[in-house]
């Protein structure tokens, strides 16, 4: 149930292309989210991996969806399939609450936006695109142990 449409070089995905995978049984769990129907990446490829500017997108069956801050869309830069560089992230909570975020990553690990945040609160790794009056809701925090390996599900280069 996975397809690639695009450029090839020496038998590997390279240039511009789109990867599309469907989950007809709706049992996929990616980055802690469930109820996923489709997963797509469209953008630059090199050496069979997403490399360069691109966009990742998920389509959900909201009646089955679960997961806090489930990633619905990522626009930015990728390296060997990992999030790398400046990113725009859209998350969905429940079936109708979408939140836009700004983040910076280095090969699948989000960089701390606030080096002075206290360890017990986790690292501040995403900042809301539009801030709210409640300062605590303006950031997505993540502990070091959970902050690794973020990138295109199923097509990340193994370290």
N, C-alpha and C. Protein backbone atom coordinates (compact mmCIF):
# COMPACT_ATOMS: atom_id res chain seq x y z
N UNK A 1 0.81 -1.21 0.00
CA UNK A 1 0.00 0.00 0.00
C UNK A 1 0.84 1.26 0.00
N UNK A 2 2.07 1.19 -0.49
CA UNK A 2 2.93 2.37 -0.57
C UNK A 2 3.30 2.63 -2.02
N UNK A 3 3.31 3.90 -2.39
CA UNK A 3 3.57 4.30 -3.78
C UNK A 3 4.54 5.47 -3.80
N UNK A 4 5.32 5.54 -4.87
CA UNK A 4 6.21 6.68 -5.10
C UNK A 4 6.00 7.15 -6.53
N UNK A 5 5.81 8.44 -6.69
CA UNK A 5 5.68 9.06 -8.00
C UNK A 5 6.74 10.14 -8.09
N UNK A 6 7.67 10.03 -9.03
CA UNK A 6 8.67 11.08 -9.14
C UNK A 6 9.92 10.64 -9.86
N UNK A 7 10.99 11.39 -9.62
CA UNK A 7 12.27 11.20 -10.30
C UNK A 7 13.09 10.09 -9.64
N UNK A 8 13.89 9.45 -10.49
CA UNK A 8 14.79 8.38 -10.05
C UNK A 8 16.19 8.66 -10.58
N UNK A 9 17.19 8.18 -9.88
CA UNK A 9 18.56 8.25 -10.36
C UNK A 9 19.29 7.00 -9.87
N UNK A 10 19.83 6.23 -10.79
CA UNK A 10 20.54 4.99 -10.47
C UNK A 10 19.69 4.06 -9.60
N UNK A 11 18.40 3.96 -9.90
CA UNK A 11 17.50 3.06 -9.19
C UNK A 11 17.05 3.54 -7.82
N UNK A 12 17.37 4.80 -7.48
CA UNK A 12 16.98 5.35 -6.18
C UNK A 12 16.14 6.60 -6.38
N UNK A 13 15.22 6.83 -5.46
CA UNK A 13 14.41 8.05 -5.51
C UNK A 13 15.34 9.24 -5.37
N UNK A 14 15.26 10.16 -6.33
CA UNK A 14 16.16 11.31 -6.35
C UNK A 14 15.54 12.42 -7.18
N UNK A 15 15.61 13.66 -6.69
CA UNK A 15 14.98 14.78 -7.38
C UNK A 15 13.68 15.16 -6.69
N UNK A 16 12.65 15.40 -7.47
CA UNK A 16 11.33 15.72 -6.91
C UNK A 16 10.45 14.47 -6.94
N UNK A 17 9.65 14.31 -5.86
CA UNK A 17 8.78 13.14 -5.85
C UNK A 17 7.79 13.17 -4.71
N UNK A 18 6.82 12.23 -4.78
CA UNK A 18 5.80 12.11 -3.75
C UNK A 18 5.67 10.65 -3.33
N UNK A 19 5.73 10.43 -2.03
CA UNK A 19 5.53 9.12 -1.42
C UNK A 19 4.14 9.12 -0.80
N UNK A 20 3.39 8.05 -1.00
CA UNK A 20 2.01 7.98 -0.50
C UNK A 20 1.76 6.57 0.00
N UNK A 21 1.34 6.45 1.25
CA UNK A 21 1.03 5.15 1.83
C UNK A 21 -0.37 5.21 2.42
N UNK A 22 -1.15 4.15 2.16
CA UNK A 22 -2.50 4.07 2.70
C UNK A 22 -2.57 2.99 3.77
N UNK A 23 -3.48 3.18 4.71
CA UNK A 23 -3.71 2.22 5.79
C UNK A 23 -5.20 1.87 5.79
N UNK A 24 -5.63 1.00 4.87
CA UNK A 24 -7.06 0.70 4.74
C UNK A 24 -7.67 0.07 5.98
N UNK A 25 -6.87 -0.61 6.81
CA UNK A 25 -7.43 -1.23 8.02
C UNK A 25 -7.45 -0.26 9.19
N UNK A 26 -6.93 0.95 9.02
CA UNK A 26 -6.96 2.03 10.02
C UNK A 26 -6.26 1.67 11.32
N UNK A 27 -5.29 0.75 11.28
CA UNK A 27 -4.63 0.31 12.50
C UNK A 27 -3.26 0.96 12.71
N UNK A 28 -2.86 1.85 11.84
CA UNK A 28 -1.52 2.44 11.94
C UNK A 28 -1.41 3.31 13.19
N UNK A 29 -0.24 3.25 13.80
CA UNK A 29 0.11 4.12 14.92
C UNK A 29 1.46 4.74 14.59
N UNK A 30 1.47 6.05 14.43
CA UNK A 30 2.69 6.76 14.05
C UNK A 30 2.88 7.93 15.01
N UNK A 31 4.06 8.02 15.61
CA UNK A 31 4.38 9.09 16.56
C UNK A 31 3.32 9.21 17.65
N UNK A 32 2.77 8.09 18.09
CA UNK A 32 1.79 8.09 19.17
C UNK A 32 0.36 8.39 18.75
N UNK A 33 0.11 8.59 17.47
CA UNK A 33 -1.24 8.88 16.97
C UNK A 33 -1.82 7.63 16.31
N UNK A 34 -3.13 7.44 16.46
CA UNK A 34 -3.81 6.32 15.82
C UNK A 34 -4.91 6.84 14.90
N UNK A 35 -5.54 5.92 14.16
CA UNK A 35 -6.62 6.30 13.25
C UNK A 35 -6.12 6.88 11.94
N UNK A 36 -4.88 6.58 11.56
CA UNK A 36 -4.29 7.15 10.35
C UNK A 36 -4.77 6.40 9.12
N UNK A 37 -5.24 7.14 8.13
CA UNK A 37 -5.71 6.58 6.86
C UNK A 37 -4.65 6.68 5.77
N UNK A 38 -3.96 7.82 5.72
CA UNK A 38 -2.95 8.06 4.68
C UNK A 38 -1.76 8.81 5.27
N UNK A 39 -0.61 8.54 4.69
CA UNK A 39 0.62 9.24 5.05
C UNK A 39 1.31 9.62 3.75
N UNK A 40 1.70 10.89 3.63
CA UNK A 40 2.32 11.37 2.39
C UNK A 40 3.55 12.21 2.69
N UNK A 41 4.50 12.17 1.78
CA UNK A 41 5.62 13.11 1.77
C UNK A 41 5.78 13.57 0.34
N UNK A 42 5.89 14.87 0.16
CA UNK A 42 6.09 15.44 -1.16
C UNK A 42 7.23 16.44 -1.07
N UNK A 43 8.23 16.29 -1.94
CA UNK A 43 9.35 17.23 -1.91
C UNK A 43 10.59 16.67 -2.55
N UNK A 44 11.73 17.11 -2.05
CA UNK A 44 13.03 16.74 -2.59
C UNK A 44 13.49 15.40 -2.04
N UNK A 45 14.14 14.63 -2.90
CA UNK A 45 14.70 13.32 -2.55
C UNK A 45 16.15 13.26 -2.99
N UNK A 46 16.94 12.48 -2.27
CA UNK A 46 18.31 12.19 -2.67
C UNK A 46 18.71 10.86 -2.03
N UNK A 47 19.34 9.99 -2.81
CA UNK A 47 19.83 8.72 -2.31
C UNK A 47 18.73 7.88 -1.65
N UNK A 48 17.51 7.97 -2.20
CA UNK A 48 16.36 7.17 -1.77
C UNK A 48 15.68 7.67 -0.49
N UNK A 49 16.07 8.85 0.02
CA UNK A 49 15.49 9.42 1.24
C UNK A 49 15.04 10.85 1.01
N UNK A 50 14.04 11.31 1.78
CA UNK A 50 13.70 12.74 1.73
C UNK A 50 14.91 13.56 2.18
N UNK A 51 15.38 14.43 1.30
CA UNK A 51 16.52 15.31 1.58
C UNK A 51 16.24 16.66 0.95
N UNK A 52 16.13 17.68 1.79
CA UNK A 52 15.84 19.03 1.31
C UNK A 52 14.44 19.47 1.70
N UNK A 53 13.92 20.44 0.98
CA UNK A 53 12.59 21.00 1.28
C UNK A 53 11.49 20.00 0.95
N UNK A 54 10.50 19.94 1.85
CA UNK A 54 9.39 19.04 1.59
C UNK A 54 8.25 19.24 2.57
N UNK A 55 7.23 18.39 2.41
CA UNK A 55 6.04 18.45 3.26
C UNK A 55 5.56 17.05 3.56
N UNK A 56 5.32 16.78 4.83
CA UNK A 56 4.74 15.51 5.27
C UNK A 56 3.31 15.78 5.71
N UNK A 57 2.40 14.84 5.38
CA UNK A 57 0.99 15.05 5.70
C UNK A 57 0.34 13.72 6.12
N UNK A 58 -0.54 13.79 7.14
CA UNK A 58 -1.31 12.65 7.59
C UNK A 58 -2.79 12.95 7.43
N UNK A 59 -3.57 11.93 7.04
CA UNK A 59 -5.03 12.01 6.99
C UNK A 59 -5.56 11.02 8.02
N UNK A 60 -6.50 11.47 8.86
CA UNK A 60 -7.01 10.66 9.96
C UNK A 60 -8.47 10.30 9.79
N UNK A 61 -8.87 9.19 10.39
CA UNK A 61 -10.28 8.88 10.66
C UNK A 61 -10.48 9.39 12.08
N UNK A 62 -11.11 10.55 12.22
CA UNK A 62 -11.18 11.20 13.52
C UNK A 62 -12.01 10.42 14.54
N UNK A 63 -12.87 9.52 14.09
CA UNK A 63 -13.63 8.71 15.04
C UNK A 63 -12.72 7.70 15.74
N UNK A 64 -11.55 7.39 15.15
CA UNK A 64 -10.60 6.44 15.73
C UNK A 64 -9.32 7.12 16.23
N UNK A 65 -9.16 8.39 15.94
CA UNK A 65 -7.92 9.09 16.26
C UNK A 65 -7.73 9.25 17.76
N UNK A 66 -6.50 9.10 18.17
CA UNK A 66 -6.12 9.37 19.55
C UNK A 66 -4.69 9.83 19.56
N UNK A 67 -4.28 10.40 20.66
CA UNK A 67 -2.91 10.88 20.79
C UNK A 67 -2.89 12.38 21.00
N UNK A 68 -2.12 12.80 21.98
CA UNK A 68 -1.99 14.22 22.27
C UNK A 68 -1.07 14.86 21.23
N UNK A 69 -1.48 15.95 20.68
CA UNK A 69 -0.69 16.68 19.68
C UNK A 69 -0.28 15.77 18.53
N UNK A 70 -1.21 15.07 17.91
CA UNK A 70 -0.90 14.22 16.77
C UNK A 70 -0.47 15.10 15.61
N UNK A 71 0.66 14.80 15.00
CA UNK A 71 1.18 15.59 13.88
C UNK A 71 0.32 15.33 12.66
N UNK A 72 -0.19 16.41 12.07
CA UNK A 72 -1.00 16.31 10.86
C UNK A 72 -0.25 16.80 9.63
N UNK A 73 0.71 17.71 9.83
CA UNK A 73 1.41 18.32 8.71
C UNK A 73 2.76 18.85 9.18
N UNK A 74 3.80 18.63 8.40
CA UNK A 74 5.13 19.19 8.67
C UNK A 74 5.67 19.76 7.38
N UNK A 75 6.05 21.03 7.40
CA UNK A 75 6.64 21.67 6.23
C UNK A 75 8.01 22.18 6.64
N UNK A 76 9.03 21.86 5.87
CA UNK A 76 10.36 22.34 6.20
C UNK A 76 11.44 21.56 5.50
N UNK A 77 12.51 21.31 6.23
CA UNK A 77 13.67 20.66 5.67
C UNK A 77 13.84 19.26 6.27
N UNK A 78 14.37 18.35 5.45
CA UNK A 78 14.56 16.97 5.85
C UNK A 78 15.97 16.53 5.49
N UNK A 79 16.54 15.64 6.30
CA UNK A 79 17.85 15.06 6.00
C UNK A 79 17.77 13.57 6.23
N UNK A 80 17.98 12.80 5.16
CA UNK A 80 17.90 11.33 5.21
C UNK A 80 16.60 10.86 5.85
N UNK A 81 15.51 11.60 5.60
CA UNK A 81 14.20 11.24 6.12
C UNK A 81 13.88 11.82 7.48
N UNK A 82 14.85 12.43 8.15
CA UNK A 82 14.64 13.03 9.47
C UNK A 82 14.28 14.51 9.34
N UNK A 83 13.51 15.04 10.32
CA UNK A 83 13.27 16.48 10.39
C UNK A 83 14.61 17.14 10.66
N UNK A 84 14.93 18.19 9.90
CA UNK A 84 16.24 18.83 10.05
C UNK A 84 16.15 20.28 9.60
N UNK A 85 16.33 21.22 10.53
CA UNK A 85 16.25 22.64 10.21
C UNK A 85 14.94 23.23 10.69
N UNK A 86 14.58 24.38 10.15
CA UNK A 86 13.36 25.07 10.56
C UNK A 86 12.14 24.34 10.02
N UNK A 87 11.11 24.23 10.89
CA UNK A 87 9.90 23.48 10.54
C UNK A 87 8.65 24.22 10.96
N UNK A 88 7.61 24.06 10.16
CA UNK A 88 6.26 24.48 10.51
C UNK A 88 5.49 23.19 10.74
N UNK A 89 4.88 23.05 11.91
CA UNK A 89 4.18 21.82 12.27
C UNK A 89 2.73 22.16 12.59
N UNK A 90 1.81 21.36 12.05
CA UNK A 90 0.40 21.49 12.43
C UNK A 90 0.02 20.21 13.16
N UNK A 91 -0.58 20.36 14.34
CA UNK A 91 -1.03 19.20 15.09
C UNK A 91 -2.55 19.23 15.20
N UNK A 92 -3.11 18.08 15.50
CA UNK A 92 -4.55 17.98 15.72
C UNK A 92 -4.77 17.28 17.05
N UNK A 93 -5.69 17.81 17.84
CA UNK A 93 -6.09 17.21 19.10
C UNK A 93 -7.59 16.97 18.99
N UNK A 94 -8.01 15.71 19.17
CA UNK A 94 -9.41 15.39 18.96
C UNK A 94 -9.74 15.45 17.48
N UNK A 95 -10.95 15.89 17.16
CA UNK A 95 -11.35 15.91 15.76
C UNK A 95 -11.44 17.29 15.15
N UNK A 96 -11.18 18.33 15.94
CA UNK A 96 -11.35 19.65 15.33
C UNK A 96 -10.43 20.74 15.87
N UNK A 97 -9.49 20.39 16.73
CA UNK A 97 -8.61 21.42 17.27
C UNK A 97 -7.23 21.32 16.60
N UNK A 98 -6.95 22.25 15.71
CA UNK A 98 -5.67 22.29 15.02
C UNK A 98 -4.81 23.39 15.64
N UNK A 99 -3.53 23.09 15.87
CA UNK A 99 -2.61 24.06 16.44
C UNK A 99 -1.39 24.14 15.54
N UNK A 100 -0.93 25.35 15.24
CA UNK A 100 0.25 25.57 14.41
C UNK A 100 1.45 25.88 15.30
N UNK A 101 2.61 25.29 14.95
CA UNK A 101 3.82 25.41 15.74
C UNK A 101 5.01 25.77 14.85
N UNK A 102 6.04 26.33 15.46
CA UNK A 102 7.34 26.55 14.83
C UNK A 102 8.35 25.72 15.62
N UNK A 103 9.26 25.06 14.93
CA UNK A 103 10.28 24.26 15.62
C UNK A 103 11.56 24.26 14.81
N UNK A 104 12.61 23.81 15.44
CA UNK A 104 13.91 23.66 14.79
C UNK A 104 14.44 22.30 15.21
N UNK A 105 14.94 21.53 14.26
CA UNK A 105 15.41 20.18 14.56
C UNK A 105 16.78 19.94 13.95
N UNK A 106 17.46 18.97 14.50
CA UNK A 106 18.74 18.53 13.96
C UNK A 106 18.70 17.01 13.86
N UNK A 107 18.58 16.54 12.64
CA UNK A 107 18.52 15.11 12.33
C UNK A 107 17.59 14.33 13.25
N UNK A 108 16.34 14.81 13.35
CA UNK A 108 15.31 14.09 14.08
C UNK A 108 15.18 14.41 15.55
N UNK A 109 16.01 15.33 16.04
CA UNK A 109 15.92 15.77 17.43
C UNK A 109 15.58 17.24 17.45
N UNK A 110 14.50 17.60 18.17
CA UNK A 110 14.10 19.00 18.25
C UNK A 110 15.06 19.76 19.15
N UNK A 111 15.43 20.97 18.72
CA UNK A 111 16.33 21.80 19.49
C UNK A 111 15.54 22.57 20.54
N UNK A 112 16.15 22.78 21.68
CA UNK A 112 15.51 23.49 22.78
C UNK A 112 15.35 24.96 22.43
N UNK A 113 14.13 25.46 22.50
CA UNK A 113 13.87 26.87 22.21
C UNK A 113 14.17 27.77 23.39
N UNK A 114 14.32 27.18 24.57
CA UNK A 114 14.58 27.97 25.77
C UNK A 114 15.62 27.24 26.61
N UNK A 115 16.87 27.63 26.48
CA UNK A 115 17.95 26.93 27.18
C UNK A 115 17.88 27.08 28.68
N UNK A 116 17.03 27.98 29.17
CA UNK A 116 16.92 28.19 30.61
C UNK A 116 15.73 27.46 31.23
N UNK A 117 14.99 26.69 30.44
CA UNK A 117 13.84 25.97 31.01
C UNK A 117 14.35 24.92 32.00
N UNK A 118 13.61 24.69 33.04
CA UNK A 118 14.04 23.75 34.07
C UNK A 118 13.79 22.32 33.63
N UNK A 119 14.69 21.43 34.02
CA UNK A 119 14.66 20.04 33.56
C UNK A 119 13.35 19.35 33.92
N UNK A 120 12.80 19.60 35.12
CA UNK A 120 11.59 18.89 35.50
C UNK A 120 10.40 19.27 34.64
N UNK A 121 10.45 20.38 33.95
CA UNK A 121 9.38 20.80 33.06
C UNK A 121 9.58 20.28 31.63
N UNK A 122 10.66 19.60 31.39
CA UNK A 122 10.96 19.17 30.02
C UNK A 122 11.52 20.33 29.23
N UNK A 123 12.00 20.05 28.06
CA UNK A 123 12.55 21.09 27.20
C UNK A 123 11.44 21.73 26.38
N UNK A 124 11.55 23.01 26.15
CA UNK A 124 10.60 23.69 25.26
C UNK A 124 11.11 23.49 23.83
N UNK A 125 10.40 22.69 23.06
CA UNK A 125 10.91 22.32 21.74
C UNK A 125 10.06 22.83 20.58
N UNK A 126 8.79 23.16 20.80
CA UNK A 126 7.97 23.78 19.76
C UNK A 126 7.39 25.06 20.35
N UNK A 127 7.21 26.08 19.54
CA UNK A 127 6.56 27.32 19.97
C UNK A 127 5.34 27.53 19.09
N UNK A 128 4.23 27.95 19.70
CA UNK A 128 3.02 28.21 18.91
C UNK A 128 3.28 29.29 17.87
N UNK A 129 2.72 29.08 16.70
CA UNK A 129 2.85 30.06 15.63
C UNK A 129 2.12 31.34 16.01
N UNK A 130 0.94 31.19 16.57
CA UNK A 130 0.19 32.32 17.12
C UNK A 130 0.13 32.11 18.62
N UNK A 131 0.65 33.04 19.39
CA UNK A 131 0.70 32.87 20.83
C UNK A 131 -0.68 33.07 21.45
N UNK A 132 -0.83 32.50 22.65
CA UNK A 132 -2.07 32.63 23.41
C UNK A 132 -1.78 33.42 24.67
N UNK A 133 -2.83 33.79 25.37
CA UNK A 133 -2.65 34.52 26.62
C UNK A 133 -2.05 33.63 27.70
N UNK A 134 -2.34 32.34 27.66
CA UNK A 134 -1.80 31.39 28.62
C UNK A 134 -0.39 30.99 28.18
N UNK A 135 0.61 31.52 28.84
CA UNK A 135 2.02 31.28 28.48
C UNK A 135 2.36 29.80 28.43
N UNK A 136 1.76 29.00 29.33
CA UNK A 136 2.06 27.56 29.37
C UNK A 136 1.59 26.83 28.12
N UNK A 137 0.63 27.38 27.39
CA UNK A 137 0.13 26.74 26.18
C UNK A 137 0.88 27.19 24.93
N UNK A 138 1.84 28.08 25.08
CA UNK A 138 2.58 28.59 23.93
C UNK A 138 3.73 27.68 23.50
N UNK A 139 4.05 26.68 24.32
CA UNK A 139 5.18 25.79 24.03
C UNK A 139 4.76 24.34 24.15
N UNK A 140 5.39 23.50 23.37
CA UNK A 140 5.28 22.04 23.50
C UNK A 140 6.57 21.59 24.14
N UNK A 141 6.48 20.92 25.27
CA UNK A 141 7.66 20.46 25.98
C UNK A 141 7.87 18.98 25.72
N UNK A 142 9.13 18.56 25.72
CA UNK A 142 9.45 17.17 25.48
C UNK A 142 10.72 16.82 26.25
N UNK A 143 10.71 15.69 26.92
CA UNK A 143 11.90 15.23 27.63
C UNK A 143 12.91 14.66 26.66
N UNK A 144 14.19 14.71 27.03
CA UNK A 144 15.27 14.21 26.17
C UNK A 144 15.02 12.78 25.71
N UNK A 145 14.55 11.91 26.60
CA UNK A 145 14.36 10.50 26.25
C UNK A 145 13.32 10.31 25.15
N UNK A 146 12.39 11.26 25.03
CA UNK A 146 11.34 11.18 24.00
C UNK A 146 11.67 11.96 22.75
N UNK A 147 12.72 12.75 22.81
CA UNK A 147 13.05 13.68 21.72
C UNK A 147 14.13 13.10 20.82
N UNK A 148 13.75 12.13 20.00
CA UNK A 148 14.71 11.54 19.08
C UNK A 148 13.98 10.78 17.98
N UNK A 149 14.61 10.71 16.84
CA UNK A 149 14.10 9.89 15.74
C UNK A 149 12.89 10.43 15.00
N UNK A 150 12.61 11.74 15.10
CA UNK A 150 11.45 12.28 14.41
C UNK A 150 11.74 12.47 12.93
N UNK A 151 10.87 11.96 12.10
CA UNK A 151 11.04 12.08 10.67
C UNK A 151 9.97 11.28 9.94
N UNK A 152 10.20 11.03 8.67
CA UNK A 152 9.22 10.38 7.82
C UNK A 152 9.09 8.90 8.18
N UNK A 153 7.91 8.54 8.68
CA UNK A 153 7.65 7.17 9.10
C UNK A 153 7.91 6.19 7.95
N UNK A 154 8.72 5.20 8.22
CA UNK A 154 8.97 4.15 7.25
C UNK A 154 10.08 4.44 6.25
N UNK A 155 10.57 5.67 6.17
CA UNK A 155 11.65 5.99 5.21
C UNK A 155 12.70 6.90 5.83
N UNK A 156 13.16 6.55 7.04
CA UNK A 156 14.27 7.25 7.67
C UNK A 156 15.51 6.37 7.58
N UNK A 157 16.65 6.97 7.28
CA UNK A 157 17.89 6.22 7.24
C UNK A 157 18.23 5.77 8.67
N UNK A 158 18.63 4.55 8.83
CA UNK A 158 19.01 4.05 10.14
C UNK A 158 20.37 4.63 10.52
N UNK A 159 20.49 5.05 11.77
CA UNK A 159 21.77 5.59 12.27
C UNK A 159 22.73 4.48 12.59
